[in-house]
Amino acid sequence: MGRLIYSAITSLDGYTEDAGGDFAWSAPDEEVHRFVNDLTRPVGTHLLGRRMYEIMTYWETDDPAWSDIEQDFASIMQGSDKVVYSRTLTEPSTPRTRIEHDFDAEAVRVMKASADRDLAIGGAELGAQAVTAGLVDEYQQFVNPIVVGGGKPWLPPGIRIDLELLEERRFAGGVVFLRYAAS
């Protein structure tokens, strides 16, 4: 059985992008990127919203100008399956990808139960649906040393979830990683 992991890079005030839709402030440095690669490596399937999928298609190419860390991340992403939830996309533009038009919590429970590797969910809107449905087993947050004052929240409002802290790590650039299990 696989776990569903919800991971995000956020501002200190809990946003994945600011009110203008900018998230350039969240670009990981080399140390954080290497750590993200190691967290992502065991994931077999990524559940993505349309916008996150479109951003992540960047990693489906091979760019000789990429660093070793970037090439490693591209290889990890190219080697994983993707399920994209979109009402507008009809065909995937990348290999190992299928499109689902609606998020079905029961179908995700079945995916988790039959998975031999963990699943990850990406995108705040899709993540909110999984959180609200009680599907998330583990939360991973990379807190950036910035307050953006509004934008797209990482977690949906009005929820309460008891968590158990599993891991914390500080990086030289001021980012803090927090990993929690849902209780």
C-alpha atoms as a PDB file:
ATOM      1  CA  MET A   1       0.000   0.000   0.000  1.00  0.00           C
ATOM      2  CA  GLY A   2       1.306   3.416  -0.917  1.00  0.00           C
ATOM      3  CA  ARG A   3       1.058   6.577   1.107  1.00  0.00           C
ATOM      4  CA  LEU A   4      -0.274   9.823  -0.360  1.00  0.00           C
ATOM      5  CA  ILE A   5       2.249  12.593   0.262  1.00  0.00           C
ATOM      6  CA  TYR A   6       1.328  16.260  -0.104  1.00  0.00           C
ATOM      7  CA  SER A   7       4.462  18.336  -0.507  1.00  0.00           C
ATOM      8  CA  ALA A   8       4.775  22.044  -1.216  1.00  0.00           C
ATOM      9  CA  ILE A   9       7.221  24.903  -1.153  1.00  0.00           C
ATOM     10  CA  THR A  10       5.532  27.761   0.707  1.00  0.00           C
ATOM     11  CA  SER A  11       6.062  31.203   2.128  1.00  0.00           C
ATOM     12  CA  LEU A  12       6.234  31.562   5.903  1.00  0.00           C
ATOM     13  CA  ASP A  13       2.581  32.644   5.837  1.00  0.00           C
ATOM     14  CA  GLY A  14       1.565  29.458   4.012  1.00  0.00           C
ATOM     15  CA  TYR A  15       1.157  30.459   0.363  1.00  0.00           C
ATOM     16  CA  THR A  16       2.412  28.556  -2.692  1.00  0.00           C
ATOM     17  CA  GLU A  17       2.242  31.709  -4.830  1.00  0.00           C
ATOM     18  CA  ASP A  18       1.665  35.373  -4.052  1.00  0.00           C
ATOM     19  CA  ALA A  19      -1.449  37.420  -4.889  1.00  0.00           C
ATOM     20  CA  GLY A  20      -0.047  38.149  -8.371  1.00  0.00           C
ATOM     21  CA  GLY A  21       0.507  34.444  -9.113  1.00  0.00           C
ATOM     22  CA  ASP A  22       4.297  34.699  -8.764  1.00  0.00           C
ATOM     23  CA  PHE A  23       6.235  31.852  -7.184  1.00  0.00           C
ATOM     24  CA  ALA A  24       9.769  32.686  -8.378  1.00  0.00           C
ATOM     25  CA  TRP A  25      10.681  33.242  -4.729  1.00  0.00           C
ATOM     26  CA  SER A  26      10.218  29.495  -4.160  1.00  0.00           C
ATOM     27  CA  ALA A  27      12.928  28.281  -6.568  1.00  0.00           C
ATOM     28  CA  PRO A  28      15.080  25.877  -4.544  1.00  0.00           C
ATOM     29  CA  ASP A  29      18.811  26.387  -4.231  1.00  0.00           C
ATOM     30  CA  GLU A  30      21.194  23.485  -4.893  1.00  0.00           C
ATOM     31  CA  GLU A  31      21.046  22.112  -1.337  1.00  0.00           C
ATOM     32  CA  VAL A  32      17.232  22.124  -1.201  1.00  0.00           C
ATOM     33  CA  HIS A  33      16.925  20.788  -4.758  1.00  0.00           C
ATOM     34  CA  ARG A  34      19.146  17.801  -3.941  1.00  0.00           C
ATOM     35  CA  PHE A  35      16.987  17.080  -0.870  1.00  0.00           C
ATOM     36  CA  VAL A  36      13.783  17.360  -2.953  1.00  0.00           C
ATOM     37  CA  ASN A  37      15.255  14.880  -5.456  1.00  0.00           C
ATOM     38  CA  ASP A  38      15.835  12.364  -2.674  1.00  0.00           C
ATOM     39  CA  LEU A  39      12.285  12.822  -1.357  1.00  0.00           C
ATOM     40  CA  THR A  40      10.824  12.463  -4.852  1.00  0.00           C
ATOM     41  CA  ARG A  41      12.872   9.429  -5.905  1.00  0.00           C
ATOM     42  CA  PRO A  42      10.689   6.769  -4.184  1.00  0.00           C
ATOM     43  CA  VAL A  43       7.392   8.199  -5.533  1.00  0.00           C
ATOM     44  CA  GLY A  44       5.822   6.037  -8.220  1.00  0.00           C
ATOM     45  CA  THR A  45       2.858   8.209  -9.221  1.00  0.00           C
ATOM     46  CA  HIS A  46       2.289  11.962  -9.170  1.00  0.00           C
ATOM     47  CA  LEU A  47      -1.253  13.304  -8.978  1.00  0.00           C
ATOM     48  CA  LEU A  48      -1.251  16.774 -10.522  1.00  0.00           C
ATOM     49  CA  GLY A  49      -3.676  19.544 -11.226  1.00  0.00           C
ATOM     50  CA  ARG A  50      -3.605  20.996 -14.741  1.00  0.00           C
ATOM     51  CA  ARG A  51      -1.512  24.053 -13.907  1.00  0.00           C
ATOM     52  CA  MET A  52       1.064  22.066 -11.912  1.00  0.00           C
ATOM     53  CA  TYR A  53       1.217  19.523 -14.732  1.00  0.00           C
ATOM     54  CA  GLU A  54       1.897  22.251 -17.279  1.00  0.00           C
ATOM     55  CA  ILE A  55       4.699  23.618 -15.077  1.00  0.00           C
ATOM     56  CA  MET A  56       6.169  20.147 -14.542  1.00  0.00           C
ATOM     57  CA  THR A  57       6.272  19.288 -18.271  1.00  0.00           C
ATOM     58  CA  TYR A  58       9.487  21.353 -18.249  1.00  0.00           C
ATOM     59  CA  TRP A  59      11.180  18.303 -16.720  1.00  0.00           C
ATOM     60  CA  GLU A  60      10.078  15.981 -19.535  1.00  0.00           C
ATOM     61  CA  THR A  61      12.856  17.255 -21.795  1.00  0.00           C
ATOM     62  CA  ASP A  62      16.601  16.890 -21.507  1.00  0.00           C
ATOM     63  CA  ASP A  63      18.637  20.074 -21.480  1.00  0.00           C
ATOM     64  CA  PRO A  64      22.437  19.701 -21.671  1.00  0.00           C
ATOM     65  CA  ALA A  65      22.762  23.023 -19.837  1.00  0.00           C
ATOM     66  CA  TRP A  66      21.108  21.599 -16.716  1.00  0.00           C
ATOM     67  CA  SER A  67      23.172  20.895 -13.634  1.00  0.00           C
ATOM     68  CA  ASP A  68      23.599  17.313 -12.421  1.00  0.00           C
ATOM     69  CA  ILE A  69      20.901  17.973  -9.806  1.00  0.00           C
ATOM     70  CA  GLU A  70      18.436  19.220 -12.444  1.00  0.00           C
ATOM     71  CA  GLN A  71      19.223  16.276 -14.731  1.00  0.00           C
ATOM     72  CA  ASP A  72      18.636  13.916 -11.823  1.00  0.00           C
ATOM     73  CA  PHE A  73      15.257  15.509 -11.062  1.00  0.00           C
ATOM     74  CA  ALA A  74      14.239  15.308 -14.740  1.00  0.00           C
ATOM     75  CA  SER A  75      15.146  11.608 -14.762  1.00  0.00           C
ATOM     76  CA  ILE A  76      13.093  11.002 -11.607  1.00  0.00           C
ATOM     77  CA  MET A  77      10.046  12.762 -13.065  1.00  0.00           C
ATOM     78  CA  GLN A  78      10.376  11.065 -16.459  1.00  0.00           C
ATOM     79  CA  GLY A  79      10.467   7.690 -14.716  1.00  0.00           C
ATOM     80  CA  SER A  80       7.236   8.194 -12.792  1.00  0.00           C
ATOM     81  CA  ASP A  81       3.585   7.915 -13.728  1.00  0.00           C
ATOM     82  CA  LYS A  82       1.357  10.980 -13.716  1.00  0.00           C
ATOM     83  CA  VAL A  83      -2.379  11.361 -13.279  1.00  0.00           C
ATOM     84  CA  VAL A  84      -3.553  14.821 -14.304  1.00  0.00           C
ATOM     85  CA  TYR A  85      -6.902  16.160 -13.136  1.00  0.00           C
ATOM     86  CA  SER A  86      -8.246  18.616 -15.679  1.00  0.00           C
ATOM     87  CA  ARG A  87     -11.589  19.484 -17.176  1.00  0.00           C
ATOM     88  CA  THR A  88      -9.928  21.182 -20.158  1.00  0.00           C
ATOM     89  CA  LEU A  89      -7.140  18.809 -21.213  1.00  0.00           C
ATOM     90  CA  THR A  90      -8.155  15.899 -23.416  1.00  0.00           C
ATOM     91  CA  GLU A  91      -4.769  14.347 -24.217  1.00  0.00           C
ATOM     92  CA  PRO A  92      -1.518  14.309 -22.235  1.00  0.00           C
ATOM     93  CA  SER A  93       1.536  15.934 -23.765  1.00  0.00           C
ATOM     94  CA  THR A  94       3.951  13.690 -21.878  1.00  0.00           C
ATOM     95  CA  PRO A  95       4.595   9.927 -21.636  1.00  0.00           C
ATOM     96  CA  ARG A  96       3.373   7.864 -18.669  1.00  0.00           C
ATOM     97  CA  THR A  97       0.502  10.303 -18.172  1.00  0.00           C
ATOM     98  CA  ARG A  98      -3.248   9.913 -18.099  1.00  0.00           C
ATOM     99  CA  ILE A  99      -5.963  12.546 -17.844  1.00  0.00           C
ATOM    100  CA  GLU A 100      -8.864  12.334 -15.398  1.00  0.00           C
ATOM    101  CA  HIS A 101     -11.555  14.976 -15.721  1.00  0.00           C
ATOM    102  CA  ASP A 102     -12.758  14.856 -12.117  1.00  0.00           C
ATOM    103  CA  PHE A 103     -11.046  14.185  -8.817  1.00  0.00           C
ATOM    104  CA  ASP A 104     -12.581  11.013  -7.380  1.00  0.00           C
ATOM    105  CA  ALA A 105     -11.557  10.424  -3.765  1.00  0.00           C
ATOM    106  CA  GLU A 106     -12.602   6.766  -3.877  1.00  0.00           C
ATOM    107  CA  ALA A 107     -10.495   6.148  -7.001  1.00  0.00           C
ATOM    108  CA  VAL A 108      -7.495   7.672  -5.194  1.00  0.00           C
ATOM    109  CA  ARG A 109      -8.123   5.379  -2.197  1.00  0.00           C
ATOM    110  CA  VAL A 110      -8.058   2.419  -4.593  1.00  0.00           C
ATOM    111  CA  MET A 111      -4.820   3.733  -6.183  1.00  0.00           C
ATOM    112  CA  LYS A 112      -3.214   3.999  -2.738  1.00  0.00           C
ATOM    113  CA  ALA A 113      -4.361   0.519  -1.734  1.00  0.00           C
ATOM    114  CA  SER A 114      -2.971  -1.097  -4.876  1.00  0.00           C
ATOM    115  CA  ALA A 115       0.261   0.934  -5.120  1.00  0.00           C
ATOM    116  CA  ASP A 116       3.614  -0.640  -4.394  1.00  0.00           C
ATOM    117  CA  ARG A 117       5.236   2.814  -4.201  1.00  0.00           C
ATOM    118  CA  ASP A 118       4.125   6.087  -2.644  1.00  0.00           C
ATOM    119  CA  LEU A 119       1.992   8.643  -4.457  1.00  0.00           C
ATOM    120  CA  ALA A 120       2.538  12.407  -4.349  1.00  0.00           C
ATOM    121  CA  ILE A 121       0.012  15.123  -4.950  1.00  0.00           C
ATOM    122  CA  GLY A 122       0.999  18.472  -6.432  1.00  0.00           C
ATOM    123  CA  GLY A 123      -0.896  21.707  -6.772  1.00  0.00           C
ATOM    124  CA  ALA A 124      -2.709  23.618  -4.035  1.00  0.00           C
ATOM    125  CA  GLU A 125      -6.207  23.238  -5.472  1.00  0.00           C
ATOM    126  CA  LEU A 126      -5.905  19.490  -6.029  1.00  0.00           C
ATOM    127  CA  GLY A 127      -4.102  19.131  -2.714  1.00  0.00           C
ATOM    128  CA  ALA A 128      -6.999  20.883  -0.971  1.00  0.00           C
ATOM    129  CA  GLN A 129      -9.417  18.309  -2.370  1.00  0.00           C
ATOM    130  CA  ALA A 130      -7.249  15.439  -1.122  1.00  0.00           C
ATOM    131  CA  VAL A 131      -6.802  17.081   2.289  1.00  0.00           C
ATOM    132  CA  THR A 132     -10.543  17.707   2.633  1.00  0.00           C
ATOM    133  CA  ALA A 133     -11.290  14.085   1.651  1.00  0.00           C
ATOM    134  CA  GLY A 134      -8.879  12.823   4.339  1.00  0.00           C
ATOM    135  CA  LEU A 135      -6.604  11.116   1.802  1.00  0.00           C
ATOM    136  CA  VAL A 136      -3.245  12.654   2.738  1.00  0.00           C
ATOM    137  CA  ASP A 137      -1.007  10.438   4.862  1.00  0.00           C
ATOM    138  CA  GLU A 138       2.013  12.727   5.023  1.00  0.00           C
ATOM    139  CA  TYR A 139       2.568  16.470   4.712  1.00  0.00           C
ATOM    140  CA  GLN A 140       5.920  17.850   3.588  1.00  0.00           C
ATOM    141  CA  GLN A 141       6.395  21.617   3.721  1.00  0.00           C
ATOM    142  CA  PHE A 142       9.400  23.635   2.627  1.00  0.00           C
ATOM    143  CA  VAL A 143       8.975  26.984   4.388  1.00  0.00           C
ATOM    144  CA  ASN A 144      10.772  29.845   2.633  1.00  0.00           C
ATOM    145  CA  PRO A 145      12.019  32.875   4.562  1.00  0.00           C
ATOM    146  CA  ILE A 146       9.493  35.239   2.958  1.00  0.00           C
ATOM    147  CA  VAL A 147       6.053  36.579   3.833  1.00  0.00           C
ATOM    148  CA  VAL A 148       3.959  37.296   0.719  1.00  0.00           C
ATOM    149  CA  GLY A 149       0.792  38.554   2.442  1.00  0.00           C
ATOM    150  CA  GLY A 150      -1.728  36.621   0.378  1.00  0.00           C
ATOM    151  CA  GLY A 151      -2.149  34.462  -2.672  1.00  0.00           C
ATOM    152  CA  LYS A 152      -2.850  30.764  -3.115  1.00  0.00           C
ATOM    153  CA  PRO A 153      -2.871  28.989   0.264  1.00  0.00           C
ATOM    154  CA  TRP A 154      -1.144  25.641   0.644  1.00  0.00           C
ATOM    155  CA  LEU A 155      -3.880  24.242   2.891  1.00  0.00           C
ATOM    156  CA  PRO A 156      -7.634  24.734   2.572  1.00  0.00           C
ATOM    157  CA  PRO A 157      -9.386  26.928   5.158  1.00  0.00           C
ATOM    158  CA  GLY A 158     -11.646  25.497   7.818  1.00  0.00           C
ATOM    159  CA  ILE A 159      -9.921  22.162   8.369  1.00  0.00           C
ATOM    160  CA  ARG A 160      -8.382  20.629  11.449  1.00  0.00           C
ATOM    161  CA  ILE A 161      -5.921  17.756  11.231  1.00  0.00           C
ATOM    162  CA  ASP A 162      -3.850  16.412  14.090  1.00  0.00           C
ATOM    163  CA  LEU A 163      -0.290  15.817  12.939  1.00  0.00           C
ATOM    164  CA  GLU A 164       2.783  14.077  14.278  1.00  0.00           C
ATOM    165  CA  LEU A 165       6.124  15.733  13.526  1.00  0.00           C
ATOM    166  CA  LEU A 166       8.388  13.161  11.858  1.00  0.00           C
ATOM    167  CA  GLU A 167      11.284  15.304  10.677  1.00  0.00           C
ATOM    168  CA  GLU A 168      12.587  18.839  10.525  1.00  0.00           C
ATOM    169  CA  ARG A 169      15.606  20.270   8.769  1.00  0.00           C
ATOM    170  CA  ARG A 170      17.127  23.706   8.337  1.00  0.00           C
ATOM    171  CA  PHE A 171      18.966  24.620   5.153  1.00  0.00           C
ATOM    172  CA  ALA A 172      21.765  27.173   4.825  1.00  0.00           C
ATOM    173  CA  GLY A 173      19.618  29.520   2.702  1.00  0.00           C
ATOM    174  CA  GLY A 174      16.970  29.830   5.428  1.00  0.00           C
ATOM    175  CA  VAL A 175      14.459  27.258   4.138  1.00  0.00           C
ATOM    176  CA  VAL A 176      13.014  24.926   6.772  1.00  0.00           C
ATOM    177  CA  PHE A 177      11.649  21.480   5.889  1.00  0.00           C
ATOM    178  CA  LEU A 178       8.857  20.005   8.007  1.00  0.00           C
ATOM    179  CA  ARG A 179       7.469  16.486   7.587  1.00  0.00           C
ATOM    180  CA  TYR A 180       4.317  15.380   9.391  1.00  0.00           C
ATOM    181  CA  ALA A 181       2.212  12.235   9.509  1.00  0.00           C
ATOM    182  CA  ALA A 182      -1.529  12.642   9.637  1.00  0.00           C
ATOM    183  CA  SER A 183      -2.763  11.161  12.914  1.00  0.00           C
END
